[in-house]
Amino acid sequence: MLTSPTPWRTADTAYQAHHGACPQCRAAGLNPGGPSRCAMGAGLWADYQAAGTPPHFLWLLPEQEATA
């Protein structure tokens, strides 16, 4: 069990909480290349993407290490 949140988990929690309450961000998530996220959602989405690979995507680790 994790004793402290990972950067990914923190970013995921913040974005998902906002996304669930923001119709503009939900629309943007459903239609990539369509409507833009709101200003707050865009910042949270950027943080989420910068946080890296989700810790439960273990199947990506060998591929990422090979390209590093």
C-alpha atoms as a PDB file:
ATOM      1  CA  MET A   1       0.000   0.000   0.000  1.00  0.00           C
ATOM      2  CA  LEU A   2       1.242   3.496  -0.807  1.00  0.00           C
ATOM      3  CA  THR A   3       2.009   5.651   2.205  1.00  0.00           C
ATOM      4  CA  SER A   4       2.170   8.906   0.273  1.00  0.00           C
ATOM      5  CA  PRO A   5       0.566   9.894  -3.021  1.00  0.00           C
ATOM      6  CA  THR A   6       2.676   9.731  -6.147  1.00  0.00           C
ATOM      7  CA  PRO A   7       2.877  12.809  -8.388  1.00  0.00           C
ATOM      8  CA  TRP A   8       0.682  10.961 -10.889  1.00  0.00           C
ATOM      9  CA  ARG A   9      -1.963  10.099  -8.286  1.00  0.00           C
ATOM     10  CA  THR A  10      -2.075  13.693  -7.020  1.00  0.00           C
ATOM     11  CA  ALA A  11      -2.457  15.062 -10.557  1.00  0.00           C
ATOM     12  CA  ASP A  12      -5.050  12.406 -11.437  1.00  0.00           C
ATOM     13  CA  THR A  13      -7.159  13.122  -8.352  1.00  0.00           C
ATOM     14  CA  ALA A  14      -7.137  16.876  -8.969  1.00  0.00           C
ATOM     15  CA  TYR A  15      -7.994  16.570 -12.663  1.00  0.00           C
ATOM     16  CA  GLN A  16     -10.711  13.937 -12.189  1.00  0.00           C
ATOM     17  CA  ALA A  17     -12.430  15.996  -9.463  1.00  0.00           C
ATOM     18  CA  HIS A  18     -12.521  19.014 -11.764  1.00  0.00           C
ATOM     19  CA  HIS A  19     -13.411  17.021 -14.882  1.00  0.00           C
ATOM     20  CA  GLY A  20     -16.426  15.459 -13.174  1.00  0.00           C
ATOM     21  CA  ALA A  21     -17.897  18.875 -12.416  1.00  0.00           C
ATOM     22  CA  CYS A  22     -16.969  20.794 -15.578  1.00  0.00           C
ATOM     23  CA  PRO A  23     -19.107  20.284 -18.697  1.00  0.00           C
ATOM     24  CA  GLN A  24     -16.533  22.054 -20.877  1.00  0.00           C
ATOM     25  CA  CYS A  25     -13.723  19.707 -19.819  1.00  0.00           C
ATOM     26  CA  ARG A  26     -15.957  16.644 -20.191  1.00  0.00           C
ATOM     27  CA  ALA A  27     -16.807  17.736 -23.740  1.00  0.00           C
ATOM     28  CA  ALA A  28     -13.117  18.235 -24.518  1.00  0.00           C
ATOM     29  CA  GLY A  29     -12.296  14.778 -23.189  1.00  0.00           C
ATOM     30  CA  LEU A  30     -14.970  13.163 -25.356  1.00  0.00           C
ATOM     31  CA  ASN A  31     -13.917  14.917 -28.544  1.00  0.00           C
ATOM     32  CA  PRO A  32     -10.128  15.355 -28.838  1.00  0.00           C
ATOM     33  CA  GLY A  33      -9.394  18.101 -31.327  1.00  0.00           C
ATOM     34  CA  GLY A  34     -12.816  19.595 -30.648  1.00  0.00           C
ATOM     35  CA  PRO A  35     -13.694  21.987 -27.835  1.00  0.00           C
ATOM     36  CA  SER A  36     -10.940  23.178 -25.508  1.00  0.00           C
ATOM     37  CA  ARG A  37     -10.769  22.585 -21.774  1.00  0.00           C
ATOM     38  CA  CYS A  38     -11.536  25.563 -19.552  1.00  0.00           C
ATOM     39  CA  ALA A  39      -8.552  27.542 -18.194  1.00  0.00           C
ATOM     40  CA  MET A  40      -8.469  25.651 -14.888  1.00  0.00           C
ATOM     41  CA  GLY A  41      -8.978  22.283 -16.586  1.00  0.00           C
ATOM     42  CA  ALA A  42      -6.243  22.986 -19.137  1.00  0.00           C
ATOM     43  CA  GLY A  43      -3.762  23.624 -16.324  1.00  0.00           C
ATOM     44  CA  LEU A  44      -4.805  20.496 -14.446  1.00  0.00           C
ATOM     45  CA  TRP A  45      -4.609  18.448 -17.660  1.00  0.00           C
ATOM     46  CA  ALA A  46      -1.082  19.742 -18.328  1.00  0.00           C
ATOM     47  CA  ASP A  47      -0.067  18.748 -14.780  1.00  0.00           C
ATOM     48  CA  TYR A  48      -1.635  15.312 -15.305  1.00  0.00           C
ATOM     49  CA  GLN A  49       0.265  14.738 -18.537  1.00  0.00           C
ATOM     50  CA  ALA A  50       3.540  15.974 -17.004  1.00  0.00           C
ATOM     51  CA  ALA A  51       3.144  13.582 -14.040  1.00  0.00           C
ATOM     52  CA  GLY A  52       4.181  10.666 -16.243  1.00  0.00           C
ATOM     53  CA  THR A  53       2.980   7.120 -16.620  1.00  0.00           C
ATOM     54  CA  PRO A  54       0.362   5.878 -14.152  1.00  0.00           C
ATOM     55  CA  PRO A  55       2.016   3.598 -11.581  1.00  0.00           C
ATOM     56  CA  HIS A  56      -0.385   0.749 -12.404  1.00  0.00           C
ATOM     57  CA  PHE A  57       0.720   0.659 -16.079  1.00  0.00           C
ATOM     58  CA  LEU A  58       3.548  -1.742 -15.285  1.00  0.00           C
ATOM     59  CA  TRP A  59       3.390  -3.233 -18.782  1.00  0.00           C
ATOM     60  CA  LEU A  60       4.846   0.051 -20.130  1.00  0.00           C
ATOM     61  CA  LEU A  61       8.005  -0.038 -17.994  1.00  0.00           C
ATOM     62  CA  PRO A  62      10.202  -2.311 -20.181  1.00  0.00           C
ATOM     63  CA  GLU A  63       9.260  -0.329 -23.309  1.00  0.00           C
ATOM     64  CA  GLN A  64      10.012   3.015 -21.624  1.00  0.00           C
ATOM     65  CA  GLU A  65      13.361   1.798 -20.286  1.00  0.00           C
ATOM     66  CA  ALA A  66      14.333   0.594 -23.761  1.00  0.00           C
ATOM     67  CA  THR A  67      13.655   4.025 -25.290  1.00  0.00           C
ATOM     68  CA  ALA A  68      15.261   6.041 -22.479  1.00  0.00           C
END
